[in-house]
Amino acid sequence: MDIGRGVRVGMTALVLAAATLVAVPIEAYSQTQGMERRGDRRDTRQTARETGRDTKQACKASGESRSSCRQDKRDTKQGIRQEGRATR
């Protein structure tokens, strides 16, 4: 009877220890290079969007035509994306 109780207590301790190890949060890093590259592309696109918006607002404030402002925004976004591709 005492041996059975000892085995149960030992197994319970082992299960709790294993559960604690599994429950501990692990630092979140990219698991693969592909995930890291995807994150970099996402950052590049976001930067291009923000810069494009700023360029368009500045263009509209200067009184240029809508089509030229739209083209300026497009050129800005494409330029930043090309720079991002060149750094890969």
Protein backbone atom coordinates (compact mmCIF):
# COMPACT_ATOMS: atom_id res chain seq x y z
CA MET A 1 0.00 0.00 0.00
CA ASP A 2 2.79 2.45 0.85
CA ILE A 3 4.60 1.61 -2.41
CA GLY A 4 1.46 2.29 -4.45
CA ARG A 5 0.97 5.62 -2.73
CA GLY A 6 4.62 6.53 -3.35
CA VAL A 7 4.27 5.70 -7.04
CA ARG A 8 1.13 7.84 -7.33
CA VAL A 9 2.76 10.78 -5.55
CA GLY A 10 5.84 10.43 -7.77
CA MET A 11 3.76 10.30 -10.95
CA THR A 12 1.73 13.31 -9.83
CA ALA A 13 4.93 15.28 -9.19
CA LEU A 14 6.27 14.24 -12.60
CA VAL A 15 3.06 15.31 -14.38
CA LEU A 16 3.02 18.68 -12.58
CA ALA A 17 6.67 19.29 -13.44
CA ALA A 18 6.05 18.47 -17.10
CA ALA A 19 2.98 20.73 -17.18
CA THR A 20 5.01 23.59 -15.70
CA LEU A 21 7.67 23.23 -18.39
CA VAL A 22 5.05 23.26 -21.13
CA ALA A 23 3.21 26.25 -19.64
CA VAL A 24 6.30 28.49 -19.40
CA PRO A 25 6.13 31.12 -22.17
CA ILE A 26 8.92 30.93 -24.68
CA GLU A 27 10.34 34.10 -26.26
CA ALA A 28 8.70 34.73 -29.61
CA TYR A 29 11.21 34.80 -32.43
CA SER A 30 10.73 33.94 -36.06
CA GLN A 31 10.71 30.21 -36.43
CA THR A 32 12.14 30.20 -39.92
CA GLN A 33 13.95 32.54 -42.26
CA GLY A 34 10.81 32.71 -44.38
CA MET A 35 8.80 34.09 -41.49
CA GLU A 36 11.50 36.69 -40.86
CA ARG A 37 11.49 37.76 -44.51
CA ARG A 38 7.71 38.01 -44.47
CA GLY A 39 7.92 40.31 -41.45
CA ASP A 40 10.50 42.45 -43.23
CA ARG A 41 8.27 42.74 -46.30
CA ARG A 42 5.35 43.72 -44.10
CA ASP A 43 7.44 46.46 -42.48
CA THR A 44 8.60 47.72 -45.88
CA ARG A 45 5.04 47.90 -47.20
CA GLN A 46 3.85 49.75 -44.11
CA THR A 47 6.67 52.27 -44.43
CA ALA A 48 5.81 52.77 -48.09
CA ARG A 49 2.14 53.37 -47.24
CA GLU A 50 2.96 55.95 -44.59
CA THR A 51 5.47 57.77 -46.77
CA GLY A 52 3.10 57.67 -49.73
CA ARG A 53 0.32 59.24 -47.65
CA ASP A 54 2.64 62.01 -46.48
CA THR A 55 3.81 62.67 -50.04
CA LYS A 56 0.26 62.88 -51.33
CA GLN A 57 -0.85 65.24 -48.56
CA ALA A 58 2.11 67.53 -49.22
CA CYS A 59 1.34 67.46 -52.94
CA LYS A 60 -2.33 68.27 -52.40
CA ALA A 61 -1.40 71.11 -50.06
CA SER A 62 0.81 72.63 -52.75
CA GLY A 63 -2.17 72.74 -55.13
CA GLU A 64 -0.99 70.30 -57.79
CA SER A 65 -3.48 68.27 -59.81
CA ARG A 66 -4.92 65.04 -58.41
CA SER A 67 -3.33 62.95 -61.14
CA SER A 68 0.16 64.29 -60.47
CA CYS A 69 -0.31 63.76 -56.71
CA ARG A 70 -1.48 60.21 -57.33
CA GLN A 71 1.57 59.58 -59.54
CA ASP A 72 3.91 61.04 -56.89
CA LYS A 73 2.41 58.73 -54.28
CA ARG A 74 2.73 55.73 -56.57
CA ASP A 75 6.35 56.56 -57.41
CA THR A 76 7.19 56.97 -53.72
CA LYS A 77 5.68 53.62 -52.77
CA GLN A 78 7.33 51.79 -55.65
CA GLY A 79 10.69 53.37 -54.86
CA ILE A 80 10.60 52.20 -51.26
CA ARG A 81 9.55 48.70 -52.31
CA GLN A 82 12.41 48.56 -54.84
CA GLU A 83 14.86 49.57 -52.09
CA GLY A 84 13.43 46.77 -49.92
CA ARG A 85 13.93 44.24 -52.71
CA ALA A 86 17.51 45.42 -53.27
CA THR A 87 18.43 44.84 -49.63
CA ARG A 88 17.33 41.20 -49.67
